[in-house]
N, C-alpha and C. Protein backbone atom coordinates (compact mmCIF):
# COMPACT_ATOMS: atom_id res chain seq x y z
N MET A 1 11.36 -21.54 51.42
CA MET A 1 11.21 -20.44 50.50
C MET A 1 10.84 -19.19 51.29
N THR A 2 11.40 -18.09 50.88
CA THR A 2 11.11 -16.86 51.60
C THR A 2 9.74 -16.32 51.19
N ALA A 3 9.24 -15.43 51.98
CA ALA A 3 7.91 -14.86 51.72
C ALA A 3 7.90 -14.06 50.42
N ILE A 4 8.98 -13.36 50.13
CA ILE A 4 9.04 -12.55 48.90
C ILE A 4 9.01 -13.47 47.69
N ALA A 5 9.75 -14.58 47.75
CA ALA A 5 9.77 -15.51 46.62
C ALA A 5 8.39 -16.13 46.41
N ARG A 6 7.70 -16.48 47.50
CA ARG A 6 6.37 -17.06 47.39
C ARG A 6 5.38 -16.06 46.78
N ILE A 7 5.44 -14.81 47.22
CA ILE A 7 4.55 -13.79 46.68
C ILE A 7 4.83 -13.56 45.20
N THR A 8 6.10 -13.52 44.83
CA THR A 8 6.49 -13.32 43.43
C THR A 8 5.98 -14.48 42.58
N LEU A 9 6.18 -15.72 43.04
CA LEU A 9 5.74 -16.89 42.30
C LEU A 9 4.21 -16.90 42.17
N LEU A 10 3.51 -16.61 43.24
CA LEU A 10 2.05 -16.57 43.20
C LEU A 10 1.55 -15.48 42.25
N SER A 11 2.19 -14.31 42.27
CA SER A 11 1.81 -13.22 41.35
C SER A 11 2.03 -13.62 39.90
N LEU A 12 3.13 -14.30 39.64
CA LEU A 12 3.44 -14.74 38.28
C LEU A 12 2.41 -15.76 37.80
N VAL A 13 2.07 -16.71 38.64
CA VAL A 13 1.09 -17.74 38.26
C VAL A 13 -0.28 -17.10 38.02
N LEU A 14 -0.71 -16.22 38.90
CA LEU A 14 -2.01 -15.57 38.72
C LEU A 14 -2.01 -14.67 37.48
N GLY A 15 -0.92 -13.98 37.25
CA GLY A 15 -0.83 -13.11 36.08
C GLY A 15 -0.89 -13.89 34.78
N LEU A 16 -0.19 -15.03 34.74
CA LEU A 16 -0.20 -15.83 33.52
C LEU A 16 -1.53 -16.54 33.32
N SER A 17 -2.21 -16.89 34.41
CA SER A 17 -3.50 -17.57 34.25
C SER A 17 -4.53 -16.62 33.64
N ALA A 18 -4.36 -15.34 33.84
CA ALA A 18 -5.28 -14.36 33.25
C ALA A 18 -5.13 -14.31 31.74
N CYS A 19 -3.99 -14.77 31.21
CA CYS A 19 -3.73 -14.75 29.77
C CYS A 19 -4.30 -15.97 29.07
N ALA A 20 -4.80 -16.95 29.82
CA ALA A 20 -5.30 -18.18 29.22
C ALA A 20 -6.53 -17.86 28.37
N VAL A 21 -6.60 -18.51 27.22
CA VAL A 21 -7.71 -18.28 26.30
C VAL A 21 -8.69 -19.43 26.44
N GLN A 22 -9.96 -19.11 26.57
CA GLN A 22 -11.00 -20.13 26.65
C GLN A 22 -11.77 -20.13 25.35
N ARG A 23 -12.00 -21.32 24.82
CA ARG A 23 -12.74 -21.44 23.56
C ARG A 23 -14.23 -21.44 23.85
N PRO A 24 -15.03 -20.88 22.95
CA PRO A 24 -16.48 -20.91 23.14
C PRO A 24 -16.99 -22.34 22.95
N PRO A 25 -18.14 -22.66 23.53
CA PRO A 25 -18.67 -24.02 23.35
C PRO A 25 -18.92 -24.30 21.88
N HIS A 26 -18.69 -25.54 21.47
CA HIS A 26 -18.84 -25.94 20.07
C HIS A 26 -20.33 -25.97 19.71
N GLN A 27 -20.68 -25.29 18.62
CA GLN A 27 -22.06 -25.25 18.18
C GLN A 27 -22.16 -25.93 16.82
N THR A 28 -23.17 -26.76 16.67
CA THR A 28 -23.38 -27.38 15.37
C THR A 28 -24.50 -26.62 14.66
N LEU A 29 -24.28 -26.32 13.42
CA LEU A 29 -25.26 -25.60 12.62
C LEU A 29 -26.06 -26.59 11.79
N PRO A 30 -27.32 -26.28 11.50
CA PRO A 30 -28.10 -27.21 10.67
C PRO A 30 -27.52 -27.26 9.26
N PRO A 31 -27.63 -28.40 8.59
CA PRO A 31 -27.08 -28.50 7.23
C PRO A 31 -27.84 -27.60 6.26
N ILE A 32 -27.14 -27.14 5.26
CA ILE A 32 -27.75 -26.28 4.23
C ILE A 32 -28.34 -27.19 3.16
N PRO A 33 -29.64 -27.02 2.85
CA PRO A 33 -30.25 -27.89 1.83
C PRO A 33 -29.66 -27.57 0.45
N PRO A 34 -29.53 -28.59 -0.40
CA PRO A 34 -28.99 -28.33 -1.75
C PRO A 34 -29.96 -27.45 -2.53
N SER A 35 -29.38 -26.60 -3.37
CA SER A 35 -30.24 -25.71 -4.16
C SER A 35 -30.77 -26.46 -5.37
N GLN A 36 -32.00 -26.16 -5.74
CA GLN A 36 -32.63 -26.80 -6.88
C GLN A 36 -33.15 -25.71 -7.79
N PRO A 37 -33.20 -25.99 -9.08
CA PRO A 37 -33.72 -24.96 -9.99
C PRO A 37 -35.17 -24.63 -9.66
N SER A 38 -35.49 -23.38 -9.81
CA SER A 38 -36.83 -22.90 -9.50
C SER A 38 -37.76 -23.25 -10.65
N SER A 39 -38.96 -23.68 -10.32
CA SER A 39 -39.92 -24.02 -11.37
C SER A 39 -40.81 -22.84 -11.73
N THR A 40 -40.75 -21.77 -10.95
CA THR A 40 -41.60 -20.61 -11.24
C THR A 40 -40.84 -19.68 -12.17
N PRO A 41 -41.53 -19.07 -13.12
CA PRO A 41 -40.83 -18.14 -14.02
C PRO A 41 -40.39 -16.89 -13.26
N SER A 42 -39.29 -16.35 -13.70
CA SER A 42 -38.79 -15.15 -13.05
C SER A 42 -39.63 -13.95 -13.48
N PRO A 43 -39.85 -13.02 -12.56
CA PRO A 43 -40.67 -11.85 -12.91
C PRO A 43 -39.95 -10.96 -13.92
N THR A 44 -40.75 -10.25 -14.68
CA THR A 44 -40.20 -9.31 -15.65
C THR A 44 -39.57 -8.15 -14.90
N PRO A 45 -38.33 -7.82 -15.25
CA PRO A 45 -37.70 -6.71 -14.51
C PRO A 45 -38.42 -5.40 -14.77
N THR A 46 -38.53 -4.62 -13.73
CA THR A 46 -39.17 -3.31 -13.85
C THR A 46 -38.12 -2.30 -14.27
N PRO A 47 -38.54 -1.31 -15.04
CA PRO A 47 -37.55 -0.30 -15.45
C PRO A 47 -37.00 0.41 -14.22
N SER A 48 -35.71 0.62 -14.24
CA SER A 48 -35.09 1.26 -13.08
C SER A 48 -34.96 2.76 -13.31
N LYS A 49 -34.77 3.45 -12.23
CA LYS A 49 -34.58 4.89 -12.30
C LYS A 49 -33.19 5.17 -12.88
N PRO A 50 -33.03 6.32 -13.50
CA PRO A 50 -31.70 6.65 -14.02
C PRO A 50 -30.70 6.68 -12.86
N SER A 51 -29.53 6.14 -13.14
CA SER A 51 -28.53 6.09 -12.08
C SER A 51 -27.92 7.46 -11.83
N ILE A 52 -27.52 7.66 -10.61
CA ILE A 52 -26.88 8.92 -10.23
C ILE A 52 -25.44 8.87 -10.71
N PRO A 53 -24.99 9.89 -11.41
CA PRO A 53 -23.60 9.84 -11.91
C PRO A 53 -22.62 9.77 -10.75
N ALA A 54 -21.57 8.99 -10.97
CA ALA A 54 -20.55 8.84 -9.94
C ALA A 54 -19.79 10.15 -9.76
N LYS A 55 -19.29 10.34 -8.55
CA LYS A 55 -18.51 11.54 -8.28
C LYS A 55 -17.22 11.48 -9.10
N PRO A 56 -16.73 12.60 -9.55
CA PRO A 56 -15.48 12.58 -10.32
C PRO A 56 -14.35 12.06 -9.44
N ALA A 57 -13.40 11.41 -10.10
CA ALA A 57 -12.27 10.83 -9.38
C ALA A 57 -11.50 11.93 -8.66
N LYS A 58 -11.03 11.59 -7.48
CA LYS A 58 -10.26 12.53 -6.69
C LYS A 58 -8.92 12.77 -7.39
N PRO A 59 -8.50 14.01 -7.56
CA PRO A 59 -7.23 14.25 -8.25
C PRO A 59 -6.07 13.68 -7.44
N LEU A 60 -5.07 13.19 -8.16
CA LEU A 60 -3.91 12.62 -7.51
C LEU A 60 -3.12 13.72 -6.81
N PRO A 61 -2.50 13.40 -5.68
CA PRO A 61 -1.75 14.44 -4.96
C PRO A 61 -0.53 14.89 -5.74
N ARG A 62 -0.22 16.16 -5.64
CA ARG A 62 0.97 16.70 -6.30
C ARG A 62 2.22 16.47 -5.47
N THR A 63 2.04 16.14 -4.19
CA THR A 63 3.20 15.92 -3.32
C THR A 63 2.99 14.64 -2.51
N SER A 64 4.08 14.16 -1.95
CA SER A 64 4.05 12.96 -1.12
C SER A 64 3.98 13.36 0.34
N ALA A 65 3.36 12.51 1.16
CA ALA A 65 3.33 12.76 2.59
C ALA A 65 4.65 12.38 3.24
N SER A 66 5.45 11.55 2.57
CA SER A 66 6.69 11.05 3.16
C SER A 66 7.96 11.69 2.59
N PHE A 67 7.92 12.14 1.34
CA PHE A 67 9.12 12.63 0.69
C PHE A 67 8.93 14.08 0.23
N ALA A 68 9.96 14.88 0.45
CA ALA A 68 9.91 16.29 0.04
C ALA A 68 10.08 16.39 -1.47
N PRO A 69 9.44 17.38 -2.09
CA PRO A 69 9.59 17.56 -3.54
C PRO A 69 10.97 18.11 -3.88
N PRO A 70 11.36 18.00 -5.15
CA PRO A 70 12.67 18.53 -5.54
C PRO A 70 12.70 20.05 -5.41
N PRO A 71 13.83 20.59 -5.02
CA PRO A 71 13.92 22.05 -4.88
C PRO A 71 13.88 22.75 -6.23
N GLY A 72 13.03 23.75 -6.33
CA GLY A 72 13.01 24.62 -7.49
C GLY A 72 12.59 24.00 -8.80
N GLY A 73 11.91 22.87 -8.80
CA GLY A 73 11.52 22.28 -10.07
C GLY A 73 10.05 21.97 -10.11
N ASN A 74 9.46 22.08 -11.30
CA ASN A 74 8.07 21.69 -11.47
C ASN A 74 8.02 20.18 -11.53
N SER A 75 7.21 19.59 -10.66
CA SER A 75 7.12 18.14 -10.60
C SER A 75 5.79 17.74 -10.02
N HIS A 76 5.49 16.46 -10.12
CA HIS A 76 4.31 15.90 -9.47
C HIS A 76 4.66 14.53 -8.92
N TRP A 77 3.97 14.12 -7.86
CA TRP A 77 4.22 12.85 -7.18
C TRP A 77 3.53 11.72 -7.93
N ASP A 78 4.26 10.65 -8.22
CA ASP A 78 3.69 9.46 -8.82
C ASP A 78 3.73 8.35 -7.77
N ALA A 79 2.57 8.05 -7.18
CA ALA A 79 2.51 7.09 -6.07
C ALA A 79 2.86 5.67 -6.54
N LYS A 80 2.55 5.32 -7.78
CA LYS A 80 2.84 3.99 -8.28
C LYS A 80 4.35 3.75 -8.34
N MET A 81 5.09 4.75 -8.80
CA MET A 81 6.54 4.60 -8.89
C MET A 81 7.23 5.01 -7.60
N GLY A 82 6.57 5.80 -6.76
CA GLY A 82 7.15 6.23 -5.49
C GLY A 82 8.21 7.30 -5.65
N VAL A 83 8.07 8.15 -6.67
CA VAL A 83 9.03 9.23 -6.93
C VAL A 83 8.28 10.46 -7.45
N TYR A 84 8.98 11.59 -7.44
CA TYR A 84 8.49 12.78 -8.12
C TYR A 84 8.92 12.69 -9.57
N VAL A 85 8.02 13.05 -10.48
CA VAL A 85 8.32 13.09 -11.91
C VAL A 85 8.55 14.55 -12.27
N LEU A 86 9.73 14.85 -12.82
CA LEU A 86 10.01 16.23 -13.24
C LEU A 86 9.22 16.52 -14.50
N ASP A 87 8.47 17.62 -14.47
CA ASP A 87 7.58 17.95 -15.58
C ASP A 87 8.33 18.46 -16.81
N ASP A 88 9.45 19.11 -16.62
CA ASP A 88 10.14 19.73 -17.76
C ASP A 88 11.34 18.94 -18.25
N GLN A 89 11.61 17.76 -17.69
CA GLN A 89 12.72 16.92 -18.16
C GLN A 89 12.20 15.50 -18.35
N PRO A 90 12.20 14.99 -19.57
CA PRO A 90 11.64 13.66 -19.81
C PRO A 90 12.45 12.56 -19.10
N ASN A 91 11.72 11.58 -18.56
CA ASN A 91 12.31 10.42 -17.90
C ASN A 91 13.30 10.79 -16.81
N THR A 92 13.00 11.87 -16.08
CA THR A 92 13.84 12.29 -14.95
C THR A 92 12.96 12.33 -13.71
N PHE A 93 13.48 11.76 -12.63
CA PHE A 93 12.71 11.55 -11.41
C PHE A 93 13.52 12.00 -10.21
N TYR A 94 12.85 12.17 -9.07
CA TYR A 94 13.51 12.66 -7.86
C TYR A 94 12.94 11.99 -6.63
N ARG A 95 13.83 11.62 -5.70
CA ARG A 95 13.41 11.19 -4.37
C ARG A 95 14.61 11.23 -3.44
N GLN A 96 14.40 11.80 -2.28
CA GLN A 96 15.39 11.88 -1.20
C GLN A 96 16.75 12.42 -1.68
N ARG A 97 16.73 13.64 -2.18
CA ARG A 97 17.94 14.36 -2.59
C ARG A 97 18.70 13.70 -3.73
N THR A 98 18.05 12.81 -4.48
CA THR A 98 18.71 12.15 -5.61
C THR A 98 17.80 12.21 -6.82
N TYR A 99 18.38 12.54 -7.97
CA TYR A 99 17.68 12.54 -9.24
C TYR A 99 18.02 11.25 -9.97
N TYR A 100 17.04 10.68 -10.65
CA TYR A 100 17.24 9.46 -11.42
C TYR A 100 16.81 9.73 -12.85
N ARG A 101 17.53 9.16 -13.80
CA ARG A 101 17.22 9.39 -15.21
C ARG A 101 17.28 8.07 -15.96
N TRP A 102 16.28 7.84 -16.81
CA TRP A 102 16.26 6.65 -17.66
C TRP A 102 16.58 7.07 -19.08
N ASN A 103 17.64 6.51 -19.64
CA ASN A 103 18.03 6.76 -21.02
C ASN A 103 18.67 5.47 -21.52
N ASN A 104 17.81 4.46 -21.79
CA ASN A 104 18.27 3.11 -22.15
C ASN A 104 19.20 2.53 -21.09
N GLY A 105 19.02 2.92 -19.88
CA GLY A 105 19.79 2.49 -18.72
C GLY A 105 19.65 3.56 -17.65
N TRP A 106 19.94 3.22 -16.41
CA TRP A 106 19.75 4.14 -15.30
C TRP A 106 21.00 4.92 -14.98
N SER A 107 20.81 6.17 -14.59
CA SER A 107 21.89 6.99 -14.04
C SER A 107 21.28 7.85 -12.94
N ARG A 108 22.13 8.36 -12.05
CA ARG A 108 21.65 9.17 -10.94
C ARG A 108 22.60 10.33 -10.70
N SER A 109 22.07 11.35 -10.02
CA SER A 109 22.85 12.56 -9.77
C SER A 109 22.24 13.29 -8.58
N ILE A 110 23.00 14.23 -8.03
CA ILE A 110 22.45 15.07 -6.96
C ILE A 110 21.91 16.38 -7.53
N SER A 111 22.01 16.54 -8.85
CA SER A 111 21.49 17.73 -9.52
C SER A 111 20.72 17.29 -10.75
N PRO A 112 19.64 18.01 -11.12
CA PRO A 112 18.90 17.61 -12.32
C PRO A 112 19.71 17.83 -13.60
N ASN A 113 20.79 18.59 -13.51
CA ASN A 113 21.62 18.87 -14.68
C ASN A 113 22.90 18.04 -14.71
N GLY A 114 23.05 17.08 -13.78
CA GLY A 114 24.24 16.22 -13.77
C GLY A 114 25.32 16.79 -12.88
N PRO A 115 26.47 16.21 -12.85
CA PRO A 115 26.92 15.08 -13.68
C PRO A 115 26.21 13.79 -13.27
N TRP A 116 25.97 12.93 -14.28
CA TRP A 116 25.21 11.70 -14.08
C TRP A 116 26.18 10.52 -13.90
N GLU A 117 25.83 9.65 -12.96
CA GLU A 117 26.62 8.45 -12.66
C GLU A 117 25.78 7.24 -13.04
N ASP A 118 26.32 6.33 -13.84
CA ASP A 118 25.57 5.14 -14.23
C ASP A 118 25.31 4.27 -13.01
N THR A 119 24.14 3.65 -13.01
CA THR A 119 23.76 2.71 -11.95
C THR A 119 22.89 1.63 -12.57
N ASP A 120 22.57 0.60 -11.80
CA ASP A 120 21.69 -0.44 -12.30
C ASP A 120 20.35 -0.35 -11.58
N ILE A 121 19.49 -1.32 -11.81
CA ILE A 121 18.14 -1.29 -11.25
C ILE A 121 18.16 -1.29 -9.73
N HIS A 122 19.23 -1.81 -9.12
CA HIS A 122 19.32 -1.85 -7.66
C HIS A 122 19.63 -0.47 -7.08
N GLY A 123 20.04 0.48 -7.92
CA GLY A 123 20.36 1.81 -7.46
C GLY A 123 19.22 2.80 -7.58
N VAL A 124 18.03 2.33 -7.96
CA VAL A 124 16.87 3.22 -8.10
C VAL A 124 15.74 2.72 -7.19
N PRO A 125 14.80 3.58 -6.80
CA PRO A 125 13.66 3.13 -5.99
C PRO A 125 12.91 2.00 -6.69
N GLY A 126 12.38 1.06 -5.90
CA GLY A 126 11.76 -0.15 -6.43
C GLY A 126 10.65 0.08 -7.44
N GLY A 127 9.72 0.98 -7.14
CA GLY A 127 8.62 1.25 -8.07
C GLY A 127 9.09 1.82 -9.38
N LEU A 128 10.12 2.61 -9.33
CA LEU A 128 10.69 3.21 -10.54
C LEU A 128 11.35 2.14 -11.39
N GLY A 129 12.09 1.25 -10.76
CA GLY A 129 12.74 0.16 -11.49
C GLY A 129 11.74 -0.77 -12.14
N ARG A 130 10.62 -1.04 -11.46
CA ARG A 130 9.60 -1.92 -12.03
C ARG A 130 8.90 -1.26 -13.22
N GLN A 131 8.77 0.06 -13.18
CA GLN A 131 8.07 0.78 -14.24
C GLN A 131 8.84 0.72 -15.56
N PHE A 132 10.14 0.91 -15.50
CA PHE A 132 10.93 0.98 -16.71
C PHE A 132 11.63 -0.34 -17.02
N GLY A 133 12.02 -1.11 -16.00
CA GLY A 133 12.70 -2.38 -16.21
C GLY A 133 14.01 -2.18 -16.94
N GLU A 134 14.78 -3.23 -17.00
CA GLU A 134 16.06 -3.16 -17.72
C GLU A 134 16.24 -4.36 -18.56
């Protein structure tokens, strides 16, 4: 065997041995005694201080970090459905340059005013399809 081959083989063996995982020594823990009902009466609860009111819920974002909003339309981001909801058109949604509309079935378009092309649940974003179902 040549010297280069020996050095390469030795380097490989040493490198792989560094990856070996060693387990910690096995430790036995003392058994947990079974719980028994307490024979002492429980103390009378003391009156508590008034609770601090919770902070108001954080408002939902109006836009998505991943998807651009529709051009020129009032809308808000619905994270559950994963689409923008158009505020001025009922059951009309937007994501990635496509508008989706639910009207007893799905249709899609590149414009909020149509023309609309019929599609099925597989042609709409997953969260949107789960929300309305077919």
